[in-house]
PDB file of all heavy atoms in Angstrom:
ATOM      1  N   PHE A   1       2.266   2.837 -14.047  1.00  0.00           N
ATOM      2  CA  PHE A   1       2.960   2.386 -12.777  1.00  0.00           C
ATOM      3  C   PHE A   1       4.403   2.939 -12.664  1.00  0.00           C
ATOM      4  O   PHE A   1       5.147   2.844 -13.587  1.00  0.00           O
ATOM      5  CB  PHE A   1       3.018   0.809 -12.726  1.00  0.00           C
ATOM      6  CG  PHE A   1       1.652   0.158 -12.637  1.00  0.00           C
ATOM      7  CD1 PHE A   1       1.062  -0.367 -13.829  1.00  0.00           C
ATOM      8  CD2 PHE A   1       1.011   0.119 -11.421  1.00  0.00           C
ATOM      9  CE1 PHE A   1      -0.157  -0.946 -13.788  1.00  0.00           C
ATOM     10  CE2 PHE A   1      -0.261  -0.494 -11.417  1.00  0.00           C
ATOM     11  CZ  PHE A   1      -0.885  -0.989 -12.563  1.00  0.00           C
ATOM     12  N   LEU A   2       4.618   3.619 -11.546  1.00  0.00           N
ATOM     13  CA  LEU A   2       5.880   4.324 -11.310  1.00  0.00           C
ATOM     14  C   LEU A   2       6.902   3.440 -10.439  1.00  0.00           C
ATOM     15  O   LEU A   2       6.366   2.626  -9.628  1.00  0.00           O
ATOM     16  CB  LEU A   2       5.558   5.518 -10.626  1.00  0.00           C
ATOM     17  CG  LEU A   2       4.806   6.542 -11.338  1.00  0.00           C
ATOM     18  CD1 LEU A   2       4.376   7.702 -10.306  1.00  0.00           C
ATOM     19  CD2 LEU A   2       5.479   7.097 -12.614  1.00  0.00           C
ATOM     20  N   PRO A   3       8.095   3.427 -10.791  1.00  0.00           N
ATOM     21  CA  PRO A   3       9.125   2.632 -10.036  1.00  0.00           C
ATOM     22  C   PRO A   3       9.259   3.067  -8.568  1.00  0.00           C
ATOM     23  O   PRO A   3       9.304   4.319  -8.435  1.00  0.00           O
ATOM     24  CB  PRO A   3      10.415   2.770 -10.847  1.00  0.00           C
ATOM     25  CG  PRO A   3      10.261   4.098 -11.624  1.00  0.00           C
ATOM     26  CD  PRO A   3       8.755   4.203 -11.863  1.00  0.00           C
ATOM     27  N   LYS A   4       9.052   2.188  -7.683  1.00  0.00           N
ATOM     28  CA  LYS A   4       9.251   2.482  -6.189  1.00  0.00           C
ATOM     29  C   LYS A   4      10.086   1.499  -5.576  1.00  0.00           C
ATOM     30  O   LYS A   4      10.464   0.437  -6.271  1.00  0.00           O
ATOM     31  CB  LYS A   4       7.963   2.533  -5.503  1.00  0.00           C
ATOM     32  CG  LYS A   4       6.883   3.467  -6.075  1.00  0.00           C
ATOM     33  CD  LYS A   4       7.223   4.901  -5.802  1.00  0.00           C
ATOM     34  CE  LYS A   4       6.170   5.892  -6.199  1.00  0.00           C
ATOM     35  NZ  LYS A   4       6.450   7.308  -5.790  1.00  0.00           N
ATOM     36  N   ILE A   5      10.496   1.778  -4.352  1.00  0.00           N
ATOM     37  CA  ILE A   5      11.296   0.735  -3.606  1.00  0.00           C
ATOM     38  C   ILE A   5      10.470   0.393  -2.304  1.00  0.00           C
ATOM     39  O   ILE A   5       9.949   1.282  -1.622  1.00  0.00           O
ATOM     40  CB  ILE A   5      12.656   1.317  -3.151  1.00  0.00           C
ATOM     41  CG1 ILE A   5      13.524   1.612  -4.349  1.00  0.00           C
ATOM     42  CG2 ILE A   5      13.414   0.428  -2.080  1.00  0.00           C
ATOM     43  CD1 ILE A   5      14.091   0.303  -5.064  1.00  0.00           C
ATOM     44  N   LYS A   6      10.400  -0.865  -2.009  1.00  0.00           N
ATOM     45  CA  LYS A   6       9.623  -1.394  -0.817  1.00  0.00           C
ATOM     46  C   LYS A   6      10.789  -1.756   0.225  1.00  0.00           C
ATOM     47  O   LYS A   6      11.543  -2.654  -0.199  1.00  0.00           O
ATOM     48  CB  LYS A   6       8.642  -2.479  -1.049  1.00  0.00           C
ATOM     49  CG  LYS A   6       8.063  -2.993   0.238  1.00  0.00           C
ATOM     50  CD  LYS A   6       6.747  -3.875   0.101  1.00  0.00           C
ATOM     51  CE  LYS A   6       7.078  -5.085  -0.596  1.00  0.00           C
ATOM     52  NZ  LYS A   6       5.893  -6.006  -0.523  1.00  0.00           N
ATOM     53  N   VAL A   7      10.799  -1.085   1.355  1.00  0.00           N
ATOM     54  CA  VAL A   7      11.771  -1.556   2.485  1.00  0.00           C
ATOM     55  C   VAL A   7      10.974  -2.212   3.489  1.00  0.00           C
ATOM     56  O   VAL A   7       9.924  -1.741   3.985  1.00  0.00           O
ATOM     57  CB  VAL A   7      12.412  -0.312   2.947  1.00  0.00           C
ATOM     58  CG1 VAL A   7      13.388  -0.619   4.078  1.00  0.00           C
ATOM     59  CG2 VAL A   7      13.134   0.463   1.832  1.00  0.00           C
ATOM     60  N   GLU A   8      11.471  -3.465   3.949  1.00  0.00           N
ATOM     61  CA  GLU A   8      10.710  -4.108   4.919  1.00  0.00           C
ATOM     62  C   GLU A   8      11.682  -4.486   6.106  1.00  0.00           C
ATOM     63  O   GLU A   8      12.836  -4.790   5.837  1.00  0.00           O
ATOM     64  CB  GLU A   8      10.146  -5.516   4.314  1.00  0.00           C
ATOM     65  CG  GLU A   8       9.221  -5.353   3.213  1.00  0.00           C
ATOM     66  CD  GLU A   8       8.929  -6.731   2.570  1.00  0.00           C
ATOM     67  OE1 GLU A   8       9.757  -7.141   1.767  1.00  0.00           O
ATOM     68  OE2 GLU A   8       7.858  -7.212   2.963  1.00  0.00           O
ATOM     69  N   VAL A   9      11.250  -4.260   7.257  1.00  0.00           N
ATOM     70  CA  VAL A   9      12.085  -4.549   8.456  1.00  0.00           C
ATOM     71  C   VAL A   9      11.126  -5.033   9.503  1.00  0.00           C
ATOM     72  O   VAL A   9       9.980  -4.476   9.678  1.00  0.00           O
ATOM     73  CB  VAL A   9      12.812  -3.273   8.950  1.00  0.00           C
ATOM     74  CG1 VAL A   9      11.985  -2.208   9.284  1.00  0.00           C
ATOM     75  CG2 VAL A   9      13.848  -3.722  10.113  1.00  0.00           C
ATOM     76  N   VAL A  10      11.598  -6.113  10.270  1.00  0.00           N
ATOM     77  CA  VAL A  10      10.772  -6.701  11.442  1.00  0.00           C
ATOM     78  C   VAL A  10      11.515  -6.360  12.590  1.00  0.00           C
ATOM     79  O   VAL A  10      12.868  -6.451  12.670  1.00  0.00           O
ATOM     80  CB  VAL A  10      10.594  -8.206  11.369  1.00  0.00           C
ATOM     81  CG1 VAL A  10       9.947  -8.797  12.529  1.00  0.00           C
ATOM     82  CG2 VAL A  10       9.694  -8.590  10.060  1.00  0.00           C
ATOM     83  N   LEU A  11      10.920  -5.829  13.561  1.00  0.00           N
ATOM     84  CA  LEU A  11      11.586  -5.213  14.790  1.00  0.00           C
ATOM     85  C   LEU A  11      10.711  -5.409  16.055  1.00  0.00           C
ATOM     86  O   LEU A  11       9.466  -5.665  16.049  1.00  0.00           O
ATOM     87  CB  LEU A  11      12.144  -3.867  14.567  1.00  0.00           C
ATOM     88  CG  LEU A  11      11.278  -2.914  13.780  1.00  0.00           C
ATOM     89  CD1 LEU A  11      10.180  -2.269  14.534  1.00  0.00           C
ATOM     90  CD2 LEU A  11      12.233  -1.814  13.246  1.00  0.00           C
ATOM     91  N   ALA A  12      11.309  -5.122  17.245  1.00  0.00           N
ATOM     92  CA  ALA A  12      10.629  -5.185  18.450  1.00  0.00           C
ATOM     93  C   ALA A  12       9.730  -4.038  18.613  1.00  0.00           C
ATOM     94  O   ALA A  12       9.905  -2.987  17.957  1.00  0.00           O
ATOM     95  CB  ALA A  12      11.561  -5.120  19.595  1.00  0.00           C
ATOM     96  N   ASP A  13       8.620  -4.165  19.267  1.00  0.00           N
ATOM     97  CA  ASP A  13       7.606  -3.064  19.373  1.00  0.00           C
ATOM     98  C   ASP A  13       8.157  -1.691  19.939  1.00  0.00           C
ATOM     99  O   ASP A  13       7.662  -0.692  19.343  1.00  0.00           O
ATOM    100  CB  ASP A  13       6.555  -3.516  20.425  1.00  0.00           C
ATOM    101  CG  ASP A  13       5.626  -4.678  19.850  1.00  0.00           C
ATOM    102  OD1 ASP A  13       5.726  -5.000  18.663  1.00  0.00           O
ATOM    103  OD2 ASP A  13       4.825  -5.251  20.677  1.00  0.00           O
ATOM    104  N   ASP A  14       9.138  -1.800  20.729  1.00  0.00           N
ATOM    105  CA  ASP A  14       9.713  -0.485  21.149  1.00  0.00           C
ATOM    106  C   ASP A  14      10.597   0.297  20.201  1.00  0.00           C
ATOM    107  O   ASP A  14      11.022   1.450  20.455  1.00  0.00           O
ATOM    108  CB  ASP A  14      10.444  -0.707  22.642  1.00  0.00           C
ATOM    109  CG  ASP A  14      11.603  -1.682  22.384  1.00  0.00           C
ATOM    110  OD1 ASP A  14      11.736  -2.431  21.388  1.00  0.00           O
ATOM    111  OD2 ASP A  14      12.571  -1.721  23.283  1.00  0.00           O
ATOM    112  N   MET A  15      10.847  -0.267  19.064  1.00  0.00           N
ATOM    113  CA  MET A  15      11.735   0.223  18.039  1.00  0.00           C
ATOM    114  C   MET A  15      10.935   0.862  16.946  1.00  0.00           C
ATOM    115  O   MET A  15      11.447   1.495  16.142  1.00  0.00           O
ATOM    116  CB  MET A  15      12.748  -0.708  17.508  1.00  0.00           C
ATOM    117  CG  MET A  15      13.719  -1.267  18.486  1.00  0.00           C
ATOM    118  SD  MET A  15      14.986   0.054  18.849  1.00  0.00           S
ATOM    119  CE  MET A  15      15.730   0.217  17.220  1.00  0.00           C
ATOM    120  N   VAL A  16       9.625   0.553  16.893  1.00  0.00           N
ATOM    121  CA  VAL A  16       8.754   0.970  15.858  1.00  0.00           C
ATOM    122  C   VAL A  16       8.789   2.392  15.559  1.00  0.00           C
ATOM    123  O   VAL A  16       8.866   2.872  14.445  1.00  0.00           O
ATOM    124  CB  VAL A  16       7.355   0.346  16.000  1.00  0.00           C
ATOM    125  CG1 VAL A  16       6.391   1.041  14.938  1.00  0.00           C
ATOM    126  CG2 VAL A  16       7.312  -1.158  15.817  1.00  0.00           C
ATOM    127  N   ASP A  17       8.509   3.300  16.652  1.00  0.00           N
ATOM    128  CA  ASP A  17       8.446   4.588  16.573  1.00  0.00           C
ATOM    129  C   ASP A  17       9.730   5.264  15.920  1.00  0.00           C
ATOM    130  O   ASP A  17       9.750   6.182  15.053  1.00  0.00           O
ATOM    131  CB  ASP A  17       8.044   5.306  17.811  1.00  0.00           C
ATOM    132  CG  ASP A  17       6.641   5.019  18.193  1.00  0.00           C
ATOM    133  OD1 ASP A  17       5.764   4.686  17.351  1.00  0.00           O
ATOM    134  OD2 ASP A  17       6.314   5.088  19.388  1.00  0.00           O
ATOM    135  N   GLN A  18      10.840   4.807  16.436  1.00  0.00           N
ATOM    136  CA  GLN A  18      12.125   5.277  15.999  1.00  0.00           C
ATOM    137  C   GLN A  18      12.347   5.015  14.588  1.00  0.00           C
ATOM    138  O   GLN A  18      12.818   5.764  13.804  1.00  0.00           O
ATOM    139  CB  GLN A  18      13.189   4.627  16.785  1.00  0.00           C
ATOM    140  CG  GLN A  18      13.417   5.139  18.232  1.00  0.00           C
ATOM    141  CD  GLN A  18      14.519   4.357  18.903  1.00  0.00           C
ATOM    142  OE1 GLN A  18      14.417   3.211  19.195  1.00  0.00           O
ATOM    143  NE2 GLN A  18      15.569   5.122  19.196  1.00  0.00           N
ATOM    144  N   ALA A  19      11.997   3.754  14.041  1.00  0.00           N
ATOM    145  CA  ALA A  19      12.081   3.328  12.680  1.00  0.00           C
ATOM    146  C   ALA A  19      11.298   4.199  11.744  1.00  0.00           C
ATOM    147  O   ALA A  19      11.610   4.684  10.731  1.00  0.00           O
ATOM    148  CB  ALA A  19      11.811   1.807  12.531  1.00  0.00           C
ATOM    149  N   VAL A  20       9.980   4.394  12.196  1.00  0.00           N
ATOM    150  CA  VAL A  20       9.066   5.190  11.433  1.00  0.00           C
ATOM    151  C   VAL A  20       9.615   6.646  11.266  1.00  0.00           C
ATOM    152  O   VAL A  20       9.609   7.244  10.103  1.00  0.00           O
ATOM    153  CB  VAL A  20       7.615   5.188  11.913  1.00  0.00           C
ATOM    154  CG1 VAL A  20       6.767   6.153  11.317  1.00  0.00           C
ATOM    155  CG2 VAL A  20       6.982   3.779  11.850  1.00  0.00           C
ATOM    156  N   GLU A  21       9.969   7.257  12.305  1.00  0.00           N
ATOM    157  CA  GLU A  21      10.474   8.609  12.281  1.00  0.00           C
ATOM    158  C   GLU A  21      11.766   8.657  11.415  1.00  0.00           C
ATOM    159  O   GLU A  21      11.877   9.646  10.609  1.00  0.00           O
ATOM    160  CB  GLU A  21      10.817   9.007  13.660  1.00  0.00           C
ATOM    161  CG  GLU A  21       9.590   9.407  14.491  1.00  0.00           C
ATOM    162  CD  GLU A  21       8.715  10.474  13.887  1.00  0.00           C
ATOM    163  OE1 GLU A  21       9.251  11.450  13.324  1.00  0.00           O
ATOM    164  OE2 GLU A  21       7.535  10.230  13.859  1.00  0.00           O
ATOM    165  N   ALA A  22      12.643   7.573  11.460  1.00  0.00           N
ATOM    166  CA  ALA A  22      13.835   7.619  10.695  1.00  0.00           C
ATOM    167  C   ALA A  22      13.479   7.614   9.177  1.00  0.00           C
ATOM    168  O   ALA A  22      14.033   8.221   8.296  1.00  0.00           O
ATOM    169  CB  ALA A  22      14.777   6.542  11.040  1.00  0.00           C
ATOM    170  N   ILE A  23      12.522   6.758   8.902  1.00  0.00           N
ATOM    171  CA  ILE A  23      12.099   6.609   7.451  1.00  0.00           C
ATOM    172  C   ILE A  23      11.433   7.972   6.901  1.00  0.00           C
ATOM    173  O   ILE A  23      11.732   8.436   5.813  1.00  0.00           O
ATOM    174  CB  ILE A  23      11.017   5.462   7.282  1.00  0.00           C
ATOM    175  CG1 ILE A  23      11.822   4.133   7.569  1.00  0.00           C
ATOM    176  CG2 ILE A  23      10.576   5.465   5.835  1.00  0.00           C
ATOM    177  CD1 ILE A  23      10.841   2.979   7.672  1.00  0.00           C
ATOM    178  N   ILE A  24      10.608   8.506   7.787  1.00  0.00           N
ATOM    179  CA  ILE A  24       9.947   9.726   7.336  1.00  0.00           C
ATOM    180  C   ILE A  24      11.018  10.872   7.097  1.00  0.00           C
ATOM    181  O   ILE A  24      11.006  11.554   6.055  1.00  0.00           O
ATOM    182  CB  ILE A  24       8.943  10.219   8.403  1.00  0.00           C
ATOM    183  CG1 ILE A  24       7.794   9.270   8.471  1.00  0.00           C
ATOM    184  CG2 ILE A  24       8.522  11.681   8.154  1.00  0.00           C
ATOM    185  CD1 ILE A  24       6.803   9.616   9.548  1.00  0.00           C
ATOM    186  N   LYS A  25      11.947  10.982   7.978  1.00  0.00           N
ATOM    187  CA  LYS A  25      12.951  11.985   7.930  1.00  0.00           C
ATOM    188  C   LYS A  25      13.840  11.782   6.649  1.00  0.00           C
ATOM    189  O   LYS A  25      14.172  12.696   5.950  1.00  0.00           O
ATOM    190  CB  LYS A  25      13.854  11.949   9.178  1.00  0.00           C
ATOM    191  CG  LYS A  25      14.918  12.991   9.137  1.00  0.00           C
ATOM    192  CD  LYS A  25      15.749  12.829  10.497  1.00  0.00           C
ATOM    193  CE  LYS A  25      16.950  13.832  10.545  1.00  0.00           C
ATOM    194  NZ  LYS A  25      17.781  13.657  11.691  1.00  0.00           N
ATOM    195  N   ALA A  26      14.183  10.466   6.393  1.00  0.00           N
ATOM    196  CA  ALA A  26      15.050  10.179   5.184  1.00  0.00           C
ATOM    197  C   ALA A  26      14.434  10.198   3.909  1.00  0.00           C
ATOM    198  O   ALA A  26      14.987  10.641   2.895  1.00  0.00           O
ATOM    199  CB  ALA A  26      15.716   8.849   5.441  1.00  0.00           C
ATOM    200  N   ALA A  27      13.081   9.895   3.901  1.00  0.00           N
ATOM    201  CA  ALA A  27      12.361   9.697   2.583  1.00  0.00           C
ATOM    202  C   ALA A  27      11.667  10.925   2.072  1.00  0.00           C
ATOM    203  O   ALA A  27      11.157  11.145   0.939  1.00  0.00           O
ATOM    204  CB  ALA A  27      11.394   8.530   2.549  1.00  0.00           C
ATOM    205  N   HIS A  28      11.450  11.935   3.053  1.00  0.00           N
ATOM    206  CA  HIS A  28      10.665  13.118   2.819  1.00  0.00           C
ATOM    207  C   HIS A  28      11.237  14.060   1.793  1.00  0.00           C
ATOM    208  O   HIS A  28      12.458  14.352   1.884  1.00  0.00           O
ATOM    209  CB  HIS A  28      10.424  13.852   4.051  1.00  0.00           C
ATOM    210  CG  HIS A  28       9.560  15.011   3.886  1.00  0.00           C
ATOM    211  ND1 HIS A  28      10.068  16.315   3.846  1.00  0.00           N
ATOM    212  CD2 HIS A  28       8.220  15.204   3.879  1.00  0.00           C
ATOM    213  CE1 HIS A  28       9.131  17.236   3.618  1.00  0.00           C
ATOM    214  NE2 HIS A  28       7.888  16.554   3.619  1.00  0.00           N
ATOM    215  N   THR A  29      10.487  14.348   0.808  1.00  0.00           N
ATOM    216  CA  THR A  29      10.904  15.468  -0.251  1.00  0.00           C
ATOM    217  C   THR A  29       9.945  16.503  -0.289  1.00  0.00           C
ATOM    218  O   THR A  29      10.280  17.643  -0.723  1.00  0.00           O
ATOM    219  CB  THR A  29      11.013  14.881  -1.668  1.00  0.00           C
ATOM    220  OG1 THR A  29       9.710  14.539  -2.206  1.00  0.00           O
ATOM    221  CG2 THR A  29      11.812  13.625  -1.759  1.00  0.00           C
ATOM    222  N   GLY A  30       8.766  16.287   0.317  1.00  0.00           N
ATOM    223  CA  GLY A  30       7.761  17.310   0.270  1.00  0.00           C
ATOM    224  C   GLY A  30       6.803  17.355  -1.002  1.00  0.00           C
ATOM    225  O   GLY A  30       5.922  18.124  -1.088  1.00  0.00           O
ATOM    226  N   LYS A  31       7.219  16.370  -1.909  1.00  0.00           N
ATOM    227  CA  LYS A  31       6.528  16.384  -3.211  1.00  0.00           C
ATOM    228  C   LYS A  31       5.631  15.205  -3.245  1.00  0.00           C
ATOM    229  O   LYS A  31       5.823  14.127  -2.536  1.00  0.00           O
ATOM    230  CB  LYS A  31       7.513  16.328  -4.360  1.00  0.00           C
ATOM    231  CG  LYS A  31       8.321  17.587  -4.487  1.00  0.00           C
ATOM    232  CD  LYS A  31       9.263  17.582  -5.617  1.00  0.00           C
ATOM    233  CE  LYS A  31       9.959  18.916  -5.732  1.00  0.00           C
ATOM    234  NZ  LYS A  31      11.332  18.856  -5.867  1.00  0.00           N
ATOM    235  N   ILE A  32       4.617  15.082  -4.124  1.00  0.00           N
ATOM    236  CA  ILE A  32       3.715  14.090  -4.216  1.00  0.00           C
ATOM    237  C   ILE A  32       4.499  12.731  -4.617  1.00  0.00           C
ATOM    238  O   ILE A  32       5.498  12.851  -5.442  1.00  0.00           O
ATOM    239  CB  ILE A  32       2.638  14.381  -5.330  1.00  0.00           C
ATOM    240  CG1 ILE A  32       1.470  13.280  -5.220  1.00  0.00           C
ATOM    241  CG2 ILE A  32       3.117  14.479  -6.687  1.00  0.00           C
ATOM    242  CD1 ILE A  32       0.257  13.733  -5.923  1.00  0.00           C
ATOM    243  N   GLY A  33       4.147  11.774  -4.041  1.00  0.00           N
ATOM    244  CA  GLY A  33       4.832  10.401  -4.371  1.00  0.00           C
ATOM    245  C   GLY A  33       5.960  10.046  -3.339  1.00  0.00           C
ATOM    246  O   GLY A  33       6.660   9.169  -3.634  1.00  0.00           O
ATOM    247  N   ASP A  34       5.953  10.708  -2.274  1.00  0.00           N
ATOM    248  CA  ASP A  34       7.059  10.437  -1.254  1.00  0.00           C
ATOM    249  C   ASP A  34       6.801   9.018  -0.730  1.00  0.00           C
ATOM    250  O   ASP A  34       7.867   8.410  -0.311  1.00  0.00           O
ATOM    251  CB  ASP A  34       6.963  11.386  -0.085  1.00  0.00           C
ATOM    252  CG  ASP A  34       7.813  12.649  -0.343  1.00  0.00           C
ATOM    253  OD1 ASP A  34       8.582  12.778  -1.400  1.00  0.00           O
ATOM    254  OD2 ASP A  34       7.727  13.518   0.487  1.00  0.00           O
ATOM    255  N   GLY A  35       5.641   8.522  -0.732  1.00  0.00           N
ATOM    256  CA  GLY A  35       5.420   7.087  -0.296  1.00  0.00           C
ATOM    257  C   GLY A  35       4.603   6.945   0.942  1.00  0.00           C
ATOM    258  O   GLY A  35       3.933   7.927   1.357  1.00  0.00           O
ATOM    259  N   LYS A  36       4.474   5.783   1.373  1.00  0.00           N
ATOM    260  CA  LYS A  36       3.691   5.436   2.546  1.00  0.00           C
ATOM    261  C   LYS A  36       4.474   4.363   3.478  1.00  0.00           C
ATOM    262  O   LYS A  36       5.358   3.765   3.102  1.00  0.00           O
ATOM    263  CB  LYS A  36       2.444   4.666   2.129  1.00  0.00           C
ATOM    264  CG  LYS A  36       1.387   5.623   1.350  1.00  0.00           C
ATOM    265  CD  LYS A  36       0.084   5.319   1.909  1.00  0.00           C
ATOM    266  CE  LYS A  36      -0.990   6.391   1.311  1.00  0.00           C
ATOM    267  NZ  LYS A  36      -0.767   6.941   0.040  1.00  0.00           N
ATOM    268  N   ILE A  37       4.027   4.384   4.756  1.00  0.00           N
ATOM    269  CA  ILE A  37       4.653   3.447   5.728  1.00  0.00           C
ATOM    270  C   ILE A  37       3.483   2.594   6.299  1.00  0.00           C
ATOM    271  O   ILE A  37       2.500   3.269   6.744  1.00  0.00           O
ATOM    272  CB  ILE A  37       5.397   4.166   6.844  1.00  0.00           C
ATOM    273  CG1 ILE A  37       6.559   4.950   6.212  1.00  0.00           C
ATOM    274  CG2 ILE A  37       5.960   3.189   7.821  1.00  0.00           C
ATOM    275  CD1 ILE A  37       7.264   5.874   7.194  1.00  0.00           C
ATOM    276  N   PHE A  38       3.644   1.376   6.310  1.00  0.00           N
ATOM    277  CA  PHE A  38       2.682   0.405   6.892  1.00  0.00           C
ATOM    278  C   PHE A  38       3.240  -0.305   8.080  1.00  0.00           C
ATOM    279  O   PHE A  38       4.458  -0.762   7.942  1.00  0.00           O
ATOM    280  CB  PHE A  38       2.168  -0.558   5.911  1.00  0.00           C
ATOM    281  CG  PHE A  38       1.663  -0.026   4.579  1.00  0.00           C
ATOM    282  CD1 PHE A  38       2.511   0.136   3.500  1.00  0.00           C
ATOM    283  CD2 PHE A  38       0.314   0.509   4.512  1.00  0.00           C
ATOM    284  CE1 PHE A  38       2.048   0.704   2.338  1.00  0.00           C
ATOM    285  CE2 PHE A  38      -0.043   1.072   3.382  1.00  0.00           C
ATOM    286  CZ  PHE A  38       0.729   1.175   2.250  1.00  0.00           C
ATOM    287  N   VAL A  39       2.555  -0.368   9.164  1.00  0.00           N
ATOM    288  CA  VAL A  39       3.026  -1.207  10.412  1.00  0.00           C
ATOM    289  C   VAL A  39       2.053  -2.230  10.630  1.00  0.00           C
ATOM    290  O   VAL A  39       0.892  -2.063  10.856  1.00  0.00           O
ATOM    291  CB  VAL A  39       3.205  -0.226  11.586  1.00  0.00           C
ATOM    292  CG1 VAL A  39       3.650  -0.895  12.840  1.00  0.00           C
ATOM    293  CG2 VAL A  39       4.169   0.979  11.268  1.00  0.00           C
ATOM    294  N   MET A  40       2.608  -3.476  10.657  1.00  0.00           N
ATOM    295  CA  MET A  40       1.798  -4.647  10.981  1.00  0.00           C
ATOM    296  C   MET A  40       2.289  -5.582  12.156  1.00  0.00           C
ATOM    297  O   MET A  40       3.507  -5.609  12.290  1.00  0.00           O
ATOM    298  CB  MET A  40       1.699  -5.503   9.667  1.00  0.00           C
ATOM    299  CG  MET A  40       1.113  -4.726   8.431  1.00  0.00           C
ATOM    300  SD  MET A  40       1.682  -5.486   6.903  1.00  0.00           S
ATOM    301  CE  MET A  40       3.202  -4.549   6.670  1.00  0.00           C
ATOM    302  N   PRO A  41       1.383  -6.254  12.789  1.00  0.00           N
ATOM    303  CA  PRO A  41       1.951  -7.227  13.770  1.00  0.00           C
ATOM    304  C   PRO A  41       2.546  -8.437  13.077  1.00  0.00           C
ATOM    305  O   PRO A  41       2.135  -8.820  12.050  1.00  0.00           O
ATOM    306  CB  PRO A  41       0.551  -7.511  14.544  1.00  0.00           C
ATOM    307  CG  PRO A  41      -0.510  -7.272  13.531  1.00  0.00           C
ATOM    308  CD  PRO A  41      -0.069  -6.247  12.732  1.00  0.00           C
TER     309      PRO A  41
END
């Protein structure tokens, strides 16, 4: 098991795409293990 960080945020529906894009842009390294994003109601 590798150490990871889980970031959770609850927001309005119209902010989801901006949040997901911001996370992708900031967390991307291009290497295996960059992570995953889950969106739930």
